[in-house]
Amino acid sequence: MPAKLQKLYKRIKHYQRVLARKRKVNGKLAAKSNNYFAVRTKLQRDYRRVANVQNDLLQKFTTKLVNDYDQIVIEDLAIKQMMMTHVASKGMHRSSFGKFRQILTYKCDWYGKELILADKTYPSTQRCAQCGYVKKGDEKITLQGNKKYGTKHNEYICYECGYNNNRDENAVLNLLALA
């Protein structure tokens, strides 16, 4: 994450605390004070700046992808369900997957490139890239790893052929095979 975004997130957090303190101390009268309006204006300014920086990053990244590759494969993720878990919800929200997909879709159409969407049910992280074995039930890897076999969430070990790799790299190989 760029340093500019981290700085803006830090300032937003500060302004939100200041506003919450003013509301707690003054109640309904807080919204009528000049200081409250000044802090709220600063908060809105920083939210707008964050949105602009994120949009700029997404535009530049998608343009680079479309210029460098003729065929792009992405997963159609169930973002709403992923945001309901407290583990990664803030990071998911800040990453703007929905907007990323929307921008990438129109740029692929614009430049005449092929965008392949892997289905939500496609088991890219559970399928072995070498033998094609798909983990089911208590063999699956979750965000906490696999308790039955004692593996971490970022490692993939096939229980059929013994293939060992990073979970993300295994998913990438499976998505490339889908294309």
Protein backbone atom coordinates (compact mmCIF):
# COMPACT_ATOMS: atom_id res chain seq x y z
CA MET A 1 0.00 0.00 0.00
CA PRO A 2 1.39 3.42 -0.90
CA ALA A 3 2.63 5.63 1.92
CA LYS A 4 0.23 8.38 0.88
CA LEU A 5 -2.76 6.08 1.42
CA GLN A 6 -1.49 4.93 4.79
CA LYS A 7 -1.08 8.53 5.88
CA LEU A 8 -4.61 9.37 4.74
CA TYR A 9 -6.08 6.34 6.55
CA LYS A 10 -4.28 7.42 9.70
CA ARG A 11 -5.69 10.96 9.42
CA ILE A 12 -9.19 9.64 8.76
CA LYS A 13 -8.96 7.51 11.87
CA HIS A 14 -7.86 10.56 13.88
CA TYR A 15 -10.67 12.79 12.58
CA GLN A 16 -13.25 10.09 13.26
CA ARG A 17 -12.04 9.86 16.86
CA VAL A 18 -12.21 13.65 17.24
CA LEU A 19 -15.79 13.76 15.92
CA ALA A 20 -16.85 10.85 18.12
CA ARG A 21 -15.39 12.62 21.17
CA LYS A 22 -17.24 15.84 20.30
CA ARG A 23 -20.53 13.91 19.91
CA LYS A 24 -19.99 12.09 23.18
CA VAL A 25 -19.27 15.26 25.15
CA ASN A 26 -21.81 17.62 23.56
CA GLY A 27 -24.52 15.24 22.37
CA LYS A 28 -26.87 16.72 19.76
CA LEU A 29 -25.36 20.17 20.17
CA ALA A 30 -22.02 18.94 18.75
CA ALA A 31 -23.31 19.01 15.18
CA LYS A 32 -24.05 22.75 15.50
CA SER A 33 -20.55 23.87 16.52
CA ASN A 34 -18.10 25.44 14.09
CA ASN A 35 -15.25 23.17 15.22
CA TYR A 36 -17.38 20.10 14.50
CA PHE A 37 -18.09 21.37 10.97
CA ALA A 38 -14.39 22.12 10.42
CA VAL A 39 -13.31 18.61 11.43
CA ARG A 40 -16.12 17.03 9.40
CA THR A 41 -15.01 19.01 6.35
CA LYS A 42 -11.42 17.79 6.81
CA LEU A 43 -12.71 14.21 7.13
CA GLN A 44 -14.75 14.52 3.94
CA ARG A 45 -11.73 15.98 2.13
CA ASP A 46 -9.56 13.04 3.17
CA TYR A 47 -12.23 10.50 2.14
CA ARG A 48 -12.34 12.17 -1.28
CA ARG A 49 -8.54 12.06 -1.54
CA VAL A 50 -8.49 8.35 -0.64
CA ALA A 51 -11.08 7.64 -3.32
CA ASN A 52 -9.03 9.59 -5.89
CA VAL A 53 -5.76 7.80 -5.00
CA GLN A 54 -7.47 4.38 -5.10
CA ASN A 55 -9.10 5.15 -8.44
CA ASP A 56 -5.77 6.32 -9.86
CA LEU A 57 -4.03 3.13 -8.71
CA LEU A 58 -6.77 0.94 -10.18
CA GLN A 59 -6.73 2.78 -13.51
CA LYS A 60 -2.93 2.53 -13.83
CA PHE A 61 -2.80 -1.13 -12.80
CA THR A 62 -5.60 -2.25 -15.12
CA THR A 63 -4.09 -0.31 -18.03
CA LYS A 64 -0.75 -2.05 -17.42
CA LEU A 65 -2.47 -5.46 -17.31
CA VAL A 66 -4.39 -4.83 -20.53
CA ASN A 67 -1.31 -3.50 -22.34
CA ASP A 68 0.92 -6.39 -21.25
CA TYR A 69 -1.43 -9.39 -21.71
CA ASP A 70 -3.83 -10.54 -24.43
CA GLN A 71 -5.72 -12.92 -22.13
CA ILE A 72 -6.50 -12.17 -18.47
CA VAL A 73 -8.05 -14.64 -16.02
CA ILE A 74 -9.61 -13.50 -12.75
CA GLU A 75 -11.82 -15.20 -10.20
CA ASP A 76 -15.39 -14.08 -9.74
CA LEU A 77 -15.23 -13.81 -5.96
CA ALA A 78 -18.15 -13.72 -3.54
CA ILE A 79 -17.02 -10.43 -2.02
CA LYS A 80 -20.12 -9.82 0.08
CA GLN A 81 -19.62 -13.10 1.96
CA MET A 82 -15.89 -12.42 2.34
CA MET A 83 -16.58 -9.00 3.84
CA MET A 84 -18.81 -10.55 6.48
CA THR A 85 -15.82 -12.23 8.12
CA HIS A 86 -14.00 -9.91 10.50
CA VAL A 87 -10.64 -11.35 9.49
CA ALA A 88 -10.18 -9.52 6.21
CA SER A 89 -13.18 -7.22 5.81
CA LYS A 90 -11.32 -3.89 6.03
CA GLY A 91 -8.66 -5.06 3.59
CA MET A 92 -11.30 -6.40 1.21
CA HIS A 93 -13.20 -3.14 1.31
CA ARG A 94 -10.07 -1.09 0.67
CA SER A 95 -8.95 -3.30 -2.21
CA SER A 96 -12.09 -2.46 -4.25
CA PHE A 97 -12.39 -5.81 -6.05
CA GLY A 98 -15.75 -4.91 -7.56
CA LYS A 99 -14.44 -1.68 -9.05
CA PHE A 100 -11.28 -3.47 -10.23
CA ARG A 101 -13.36 -6.03 -12.12
CA GLN A 102 -15.59 -3.34 -13.61
CA ILE A 103 -12.63 -1.28 -14.87
CA LEU A 104 -10.81 -4.36 -16.17
CA THR A 105 -13.94 -5.53 -18.02
CA TYR A 106 -14.46 -2.29 -19.91
CA LYS A 107 -10.75 -1.89 -20.68
CA CYS A 108 -10.55 -5.43 -22.08
CA ASP A 109 -13.53 -4.68 -24.32
CA TRP A 110 -12.00 -1.34 -25.29
CA TYR A 111 -8.60 -2.78 -26.24
CA GLY A 112 -9.97 -6.01 -27.71
CA LYS A 113 -8.41 -8.31 -25.09
CA GLU A 114 -9.97 -11.47 -23.65
CA LEU A 115 -11.11 -11.50 -20.02
CA ILE A 116 -11.94 -14.92 -18.58
CA LEU A 117 -13.92 -15.08 -15.33
CA ALA A 118 -13.51 -18.22 -13.25
CA ASP A 119 -16.80 -19.18 -11.63
CA LYS A 120 -17.34 -18.54 -7.90
CA THR A 121 -17.56 -22.28 -7.36
CA TYR A 122 -14.31 -23.07 -9.22
CA PRO A 123 -11.98 -24.57 -6.57
CA SER A 124 -8.74 -22.85 -7.62
CA THR A 125 -7.26 -22.96 -4.11
CA GLN A 126 -8.43 -26.52 -3.37
CA ARG A 127 -7.43 -28.20 -6.65
CA CYS A 128 -3.97 -29.70 -7.17
CA ALA A 129 -2.24 -28.06 -10.13
CA GLN A 130 -0.31 -31.27 -10.84
CA CYS A 131 -2.79 -34.14 -10.62
CA GLY A 132 -6.15 -32.32 -10.48
CA TYR A 133 -7.26 -33.76 -7.13
CA VAL A 134 -9.87 -31.52 -5.43
CA LYS A 135 -9.91 -31.35 -1.63
CA LYS A 136 -13.30 -31.85 -0.01
CA GLY A 137 -14.71 -31.73 3.50
CA ASP A 138 -12.17 -31.59 6.32
CA GLU A 139 -9.25 -31.67 3.85
CA LYS A 140 -10.01 -28.13 2.62
CA ILE A 141 -7.68 -25.24 3.36
CA THR A 142 -9.32 -22.28 5.12
CA LEU A 143 -8.04 -18.92 6.33
CA GLN A 144 -6.98 -20.69 9.52
CA GLY A 145 -5.22 -23.45 7.58
CA ASN A 146 -6.10 -27.12 7.92
CA LYS A 147 -6.37 -28.36 11.49
CA LYS A 148 -6.62 -32.05 10.54
CA TYR A 149 -3.28 -32.11 8.69
CA GLY A 150 -1.65 -29.18 10.55
CA THR A 151 -0.97 -27.04 7.47
CA LYS A 152 -0.92 -23.25 7.38
CA HIS A 153 -3.36 -21.19 5.28
CA ASN A 154 -0.70 -20.21 2.73
CA GLU A 155 0.70 -23.66 1.94
CA TYR A 156 -0.79 -26.24 -0.39
CA ILE A 157 0.01 -29.94 -0.02
CA CYS A 158 -1.77 -32.49 -2.21
CA TYR A 159 -2.78 -35.59 -0.25
CA GLU A 160 -2.92 -37.71 -3.43
CA CYS A 161 0.37 -37.06 -5.25
CA GLY A 162 2.37 -35.20 -2.56
CA TYR A 163 2.67 -31.96 -4.58
CA ASN A 164 3.83 -29.09 -2.36
CA ASN A 165 3.55 -25.39 -3.26
CA ASN A 166 2.40 -21.99 -2.05
CA ARG A 167 -1.42 -21.82 -2.00
CA ASP A 168 -1.58 -18.65 -4.10
CA GLU A 169 0.87 -19.98 -6.69
CA ASN A 170 -1.14 -23.21 -6.91
CA ALA A 171 -4.32 -21.14 -7.48
CA VAL A 172 -2.58 -19.15 -10.24
CA LEU A 173 -1.50 -22.37 -11.97
CA ASN A 174 -5.09 -23.65 -11.79
CA LEU A 175 -6.47 -20.40 -13.26
CA LEU A 176 -3.89 -20.54 -16.07
CA ALA A 177 -4.97 -24.11 -16.81
CA LEU A 178 -8.58 -22.89 -16.95
CA ALA A 179 -7.63 -20.41 -19.70
